[in-house]
Amino acid sequence: MSLRWEISNKVRILKGWARRRFGRVSGNRRQRIAGKSDRVAASLKQADGKARDAFKR
């Protein structure tokens, strides 16, 4: 996985974390759910990239 994609996934995880916190503070359930889904999606993409790298070698 290239450094660009790794950084992109980390940024998306942080964005999801911030969205979820904002949802908790404001009481907005949609923001909480969207933040969680952003974090999960980025984590899965990161795991996929690491698995691909492991099998390339």
PDB file of N, CA and C in Angstrom:
ATOM      1  N   MET A   1       0.847  -1.159   0.000  1.00  0.00           N
ATOM      2  CA  MET A   1       0.000   0.000   0.000  1.00  0.00           C
ATOM      3  C   MET A   1       0.898   1.227   0.000  1.00  0.00           C
ATOM      4  N   SER A   2       0.576   2.155  -0.846  1.00  0.00           N
ATOM      5  CA  SER A   2       1.401   3.349  -0.943  1.00  0.00           C
ATOM      6  C   SER A   2       1.155   4.270   0.254  1.00  0.00           C
ATOM      7  N   LEU A   3       2.108   5.110   0.477  1.00  0.00           N
ATOM      8  CA  LEU A   3       2.026   6.047   1.588  1.00  0.00           C
ATOM      9  C   LEU A   3       0.820   6.969   1.426  1.00  0.00           C
ATOM     10  N   ARG A   4       0.517   7.317   0.195  1.00  0.00           N
ATOM     11  CA  ARG A   4      -0.622   8.204  -0.083  1.00  0.00           C
ATOM     12  C   ARG A   4      -1.935   7.583   0.407  1.00  0.00           C
ATOM     13  N   TRP A   5      -2.122   6.296   0.112  1.00  0.00           N
ATOM     14  CA  TRP A   5      -3.356   5.632   0.520  1.00  0.00           C
ATOM     15  C   TRP A   5      -3.403   5.430   2.026  1.00  0.00           C
ATOM     16  N   GLU A   6      -2.253   5.158   2.605  1.00  0.00           N
ATOM     17  CA  GLU A   6      -2.195   4.966   4.045  1.00  0.00           C
ATOM     18  C   GLU A   6      -2.567   6.255   4.777  1.00  0.00           C
ATOM     19  N   ILE A   7      -2.043   7.364   4.306  1.00  0.00           N
ATOM     20  CA  ILE A   7      -2.371   8.660   4.906  1.00  0.00           C
ATOM     21  C   ILE A   7      -3.841   8.989   4.688  1.00  0.00           C
ATOM     22  N   SER A   8      -4.346   8.699   3.506  1.00  0.00           N
ATOM     23  CA  SER A   8      -5.754   8.947   3.202  1.00  0.00           C
ATOM     24  C   SER A   8      -6.671   8.174   4.145  1.00  0.00           C
ATOM     25  N   ASN A   9      -6.321   6.929   4.420  1.00  0.00           N
ATOM     26  CA  ASN A   9      -7.131   6.130   5.335  1.00  0.00           C
ATOM     27  C   ASN A   9      -7.056   6.665   6.758  1.00  0.00           C
ATOM     28  N   LYS A  10      -5.877   7.092   7.189  1.00  0.00           N
ATOM     29  CA  LYS A  10      -5.729   7.656   8.534  1.00  0.00           C
ATOM     30  C   LYS A  10      -6.552   8.938   8.677  1.00  0.00           C
ATOM     31  N   VAL A  11      -6.543   9.759   7.636  1.00  0.00           N
ATOM     32  CA  VAL A  11      -7.314  10.998   7.666  1.00  0.00           C
ATOM     33  C   VAL A  11      -8.808  10.681   7.753  1.00  0.00           C
ATOM     34  N   ARG A  12      -9.237   9.677   7.013  1.00  0.00           N
ATOM     35  CA  ARG A  12     -10.655   9.303   7.042  1.00  0.00           C
ATOM     36  C   ARG A  12     -11.054   8.754   8.418  1.00  0.00           C
ATOM     37  N   ILE A  13     -10.147   8.022   9.053  1.00  0.00           N
ATOM     38  CA  ILE A  13     -10.417   7.529  10.406  1.00  0.00           C
ATOM     39  C   ILE A  13     -10.576   8.707  11.364  1.00  0.00           C
ATOM     40  N   LEU A  14      -9.678   9.687  11.272  1.00  0.00           N
ATOM     41  CA  LEU A  14      -9.771  10.865  12.136  1.00  0.00           C
ATOM     42  C   LEU A  14     -11.036  11.675  11.852  1.00  0.00           C
ATOM     43  N   LYS A  15     -11.394  11.774  10.589  1.00  0.00           N
ATOM     44  CA  LYS A  15     -12.615  12.490  10.216  1.00  0.00           C
ATOM     45  C   LYS A  15     -13.841  11.796  10.817  1.00  0.00           C
ATOM     46  N   GLY A  16     -13.842  10.469  10.767  1.00  0.00           N
ATOM     47  CA  GLY A  16     -14.943   9.718  11.355  1.00  0.00           C
ATOM     48  C   GLY A  16     -15.005   9.891  12.855  1.00  0.00           C
ATOM     49  N   TRP A  17     -13.824   9.918  13.485  1.00  0.00           N
ATOM     50  CA  TRP A  17     -13.776  10.120  14.927  1.00  0.00           C
ATOM     51  C   TRP A  17     -14.361  11.488  15.286  1.00  0.00           C
ATOM     52  N   ALA A  18     -13.968  12.517  14.525  1.00  0.00           N
ATOM     53  CA  ALA A  18     -14.463  13.872  14.786  1.00  0.00           C
ATOM     54  C   ALA A  18     -15.967  13.965  14.548  1.00  0.00           C
ATOM     55  N   ARG A  19     -16.442  13.329  13.491  1.00  0.00           N
ATOM     56  CA  ARG A  19     -17.877  13.362  13.191  1.00  0.00           C
ATOM     57  C   ARG A  19     -18.693  12.688  14.294  1.00  0.00           C
ATOM     58  N   ARG A  20     -18.155  11.582  14.786  1.00  0.00           N
ATOM     59  CA  ARG A  20     -18.860  10.857  15.841  1.00  0.00           C
ATOM     60  C   ARG A  20     -18.905  11.695  17.120  1.00  0.00           C
ATOM     61  N   ARG A  21     -17.789  12.340  17.448  1.00  0.00           N
ATOM     62  CA  ARG A  21     -17.763  13.212  18.629  1.00  0.00           C
ATOM     63  C   ARG A  21     -18.744  14.365  18.476  1.00  0.00           C
ATOM     64  N   PHE A  22     -18.757  14.974  17.302  1.00  0.00           N
ATOM     65  CA  PHE A  22     -19.694  16.063  17.050  1.00  0.00           C
ATOM     66  C   PHE A  22     -21.131  15.583  17.217  1.00  0.00           C
ATOM     67  N   GLY A  23     -21.415  14.393  16.735  1.00  0.00           N
ATOM     68  CA  GLY A  23     -22.753  13.833  16.874  1.00  0.00           C
ATOM     69  C   GLY A  23     -23.134  13.606  18.326  1.00  0.00           C
ATOM     70  N   ARG A  24     -22.175  13.168  19.124  1.00  0.00           N
ATOM     71  CA  ARG A  24     -22.451  12.966  20.552  1.00  0.00           C
ATOM     72  C   ARG A  24     -22.734  14.289  21.245  1.00  0.00           C
ATOM     73  N   VAL A  25     -21.907  15.293  20.959  1.00  0.00           N
ATOM     74  CA  VAL A  25     -22.055  16.587  21.621  1.00  0.00           C
ATOM     75  C   VAL A  25     -23.354  17.261  21.218  1.00  0.00           C
ATOM     76  N   SER A  26     -23.678  17.214  19.942  1.00  0.00           N
ATOM     77  CA  SER A  26     -24.861  17.907  19.445  1.00  0.00           C
ATOM     78  C   SER A  26     -26.140  17.081  19.585  1.00  0.00           C
ATOM     79  N   GLY A  27     -25.995  15.799  19.885  1.00  0.00           N
ATOM     80  CA  GLY A  27     -27.168  14.943  19.999  1.00  0.00           C
ATOM     81  C   GLY A  27     -27.709  14.495  18.652  1.00  0.00           C
ATOM     82  N   ASN A  28     -26.895  14.614  17.611  1.00  0.00           N
ATOM     83  CA  ASN A  28     -27.306  14.249  16.262  1.00  0.00           C
ATOM     84  C   ASN A  28     -26.927  12.791  15.991  1.00  0.00           C
ATOM     85  N   ARG A  29     -27.910  11.953  15.945  1.00  0.00           N
ATOM     86  CA  ARG A  29     -27.672  10.519  15.773  1.00  0.00           C
ATOM     87  C   ARG A  29     -27.079  10.185  14.410  1.00  0.00           C
ATOM     88  N   ARG A  30     -27.502  10.887  13.375  1.00  0.00           N
ATOM     89  CA  ARG A  30     -26.986  10.629  12.025  1.00  0.00           C
ATOM     90  C   ARG A  30     -25.486  10.881  11.936  1.00  0.00           C
ATOM     91  N   GLN A  31     -25.034  11.941  12.580  1.00  0.00           N
ATOM     92  CA  GLN A  31     -23.600  12.243  12.573  1.00  0.00           C
ATOM     93  C   GLN A  31     -22.805  11.157  13.290  1.00  0.00           C
ATOM     94  N   ARG A  32     -23.344  10.663  14.396  1.00  0.00           N
ATOM     95  CA  ARG A  32     -22.672   9.576  15.120  1.00  0.00           C
ATOM     96  C   ARG A  32     -22.546   8.341  14.252  1.00  0.00           C
ATOM     97  N   ILE A  33     -23.624   7.983  13.588  1.00  0.00           N
ATOM     98  CA  ILE A  33     -23.620   6.790  12.733  1.00  0.00           C
ATOM     99  C   ILE A  33     -22.696   6.987  11.536  1.00  0.00           C
ATOM    100  N   ALA A  34     -22.738   8.149  10.919  1.00  0.00           N
ATOM    101  CA  ALA A  34     -21.878   8.426   9.765  1.00  0.00           C
ATOM    102  C   ALA A  34     -20.405   8.400  10.169  1.00  0.00           C
ATOM    103  N   GLY A  35     -20.096   8.914  11.334  1.00  0.00           N
ATOM    104  CA  GLY A  35     -18.719   8.895  11.825  1.00  0.00           C
ATOM    105  C   GLY A  35     -18.225   7.485  12.054  1.00  0.00           C
ATOM    106  N   LYS A  36     -19.074   6.662  12.633  1.00  0.00           N
ATOM    107  CA  LYS A  36     -18.698   5.268  12.867  1.00  0.00           C
ATOM    108  C   LYS A  36     -18.487   4.544  11.542  1.00  0.00           C
ATOM    109  N   SER A  37     -19.365   4.769  10.580  1.00  0.00           N
ATOM    110  CA  SER A  37     -19.223   4.088   9.292  1.00  0.00           C
ATOM    111  C   SER A  37     -17.963   4.554   8.557  1.00  0.00           C
ATOM    112  N   ASP A  38     -17.602   5.838   8.683  1.00  0.00           N
ATOM    113  CA  ASP A  38     -16.354   6.327   8.083  1.00  0.00           C
ATOM    114  C   ASP A  38     -15.152   5.612   8.686  1.00  0.00           C
ATOM    115  N   ARG A  39     -15.157   5.469   9.991  1.00  0.00           N
ATOM    116  CA  ARG A  39     -14.036   4.811  10.661  1.00  0.00           C
ATOM    117  C   ARG A  39     -13.932   3.345  10.257  1.00  0.00           C
ATOM    118  N   VAL A  40     -15.052   2.664  10.202  1.00  0.00           N
ATOM    119  CA  VAL A  40     -15.046   1.247   9.841  1.00  0.00           C
ATOM    120  C   VAL A  40     -14.593   1.059   8.393  1.00  0.00           C
ATOM    121  N   ALA A  41     -15.103   1.887   7.488  1.00  0.00           N
ATOM    122  CA  ALA A  41     -14.734   1.773   6.076  1.00  0.00           C
ATOM    123  C   ALA A  41     -13.239   2.012   5.881  1.00  0.00           C
ATOM    124  N   ALA A  42     -12.703   3.011   6.545  1.00  0.00           N
ATOM    125  CA  ALA A  42     -11.277   3.294   6.410  1.00  0.00           C
ATOM    126  C   ALA A  42     -10.429   2.182   7.008  1.00  0.00           C
ATOM    127  N   SER A  43     -10.868   1.634   8.113  1.00  0.00           N
ATOM    128  CA  SER A  43     -10.125   0.535   8.731  1.00  0.00           C
ATOM    129  C   SER A  43     -10.119  -0.700   7.829  1.00  0.00           C
ATOM    130  N   LEU A  44     -11.243  -0.981   7.192  1.00  0.00           N
ATOM    131  CA  LEU A  44     -11.311  -2.117   6.278  1.00  0.00           C
ATOM    132  C   LEU A  44     -10.424  -1.908   5.056  1.00  0.00           C
ATOM    133  N   LYS A  45     -10.410  -0.694   4.529  1.00  0.00           N
ATOM    134  CA  LYS A  45      -9.550  -0.407   3.385  1.00  0.00           C
ATOM    135  C   LYS A  45      -8.084  -0.560   3.762  1.00  0.00           C
ATOM    136  N   GLN A  46      -7.753  -0.121   4.958  1.00  0.00           N
ATOM    137  CA  GLN A  46      -6.375  -0.233   5.405  1.00  0.00           C
ATOM    138  C   GLN A  46      -5.986  -1.702   5.580  1.00  0.00           C
ATOM    139  N   ALA A  47      -6.868  -2.489   6.154  1.00  0.00           N
ATOM    140  CA  ALA A  47      -6.593  -3.918   6.328  1.00  0.00           C
ATOM    141  C   ALA A  47      -6.475  -4.622   4.977  1.00  0.00           C
ATOM    142  N   ASP A  48      -7.313  -4.229   4.033  1.00  0.00           N
ATOM    143  CA  ASP A  48      -7.253  -4.800   2.688  1.00  0.00           C
ATOM    144  C   ASP A  48      -5.907  -4.499   2.035  1.00  0.00           C
ATOM    145  N   GLY A  49      -5.450  -3.278   2.165  1.00  0.00           N
ATOM    146  CA  GLY A  49      -4.170  -2.896   1.589  1.00  0.00           C
ATOM    147  C   GLY A  49      -3.009  -3.662   2.207  1.00  0.00           C
ATOM    148  N   LYS A  50      -3.061  -3.859   3.504  1.00  0.00           N
ATOM    149  CA  LYS A  50      -2.003  -4.604   4.177  1.00  0.00           C
ATOM    150  C   LYS A  50      -2.016  -6.074   3.765  1.00  0.00           C
ATOM    151  N   ALA A  51      -3.197  -6.641   3.588  1.00  0.00           N
ATOM    152  CA  ALA A  51      -3.299  -8.035   3.158  1.00  0.00           C
ATOM    153  C   ALA A  51      -2.765  -8.195   1.737  1.00  0.00           C
ATOM    154  N   ARG A  52      -3.074  -7.250   0.864  1.00  0.00           N
ATOM    155  CA  ARG A  52      -2.568  -7.305  -0.508  1.00  0.00           C
ATOM    156  C   ARG A  52      -1.045  -7.229  -0.530  1.00  0.00           C
ATOM    157  N   ASP A  53      -0.497  -6.357   0.312  1.00  0.00           N
ATOM    158  CA  ASP A  53       0.953  -6.238   0.374  1.00  0.00           C
ATOM    159  C   ASP A  53       1.595  -7.524   0.875  1.00  0.00           C
ATOM    160  N   ALA A  54       0.953  -8.180   1.813  1.00  0.00           N
ATOM    161  CA  ALA A  54       1.503  -9.421   2.358  1.00  0.00           C
ATOM    162  C   ALA A  54       1.534 -10.520   1.302  1.00  0.00           C
ATOM    163  N   PHE A  55       0.523 -10.582   0.446  1.00  0.00           N
ATOM    164  CA  PHE A  55       0.465 -11.616  -0.570  1.00  0.00           C
ATOM    165  C   PHE A  55       1.311 -11.312  -1.799  1.00  0.00           C
ATOM    166  N   LYS A  56       1.691 -10.047  -1.987  1.00  0.00           N
ATOM    167  CA  LYS A  56       2.538  -9.677  -3.116  1.00  0.00           C
ATOM    168  C   LYS A  56       3.954 -10.214  -2.927  1.00  0.00           C
ATOM    169  N   ARG A  57       4.365 -10.315  -1.691  1.00  0.00           N
ATOM    170  CA  ARG A  57       5.745 -10.729  -1.399  1.00  0.00           C
ATOM    171  C   ARG A  57       5.916 -12.177  -1.417  1.00  0.00           C
TER     172      ARG A  57
END
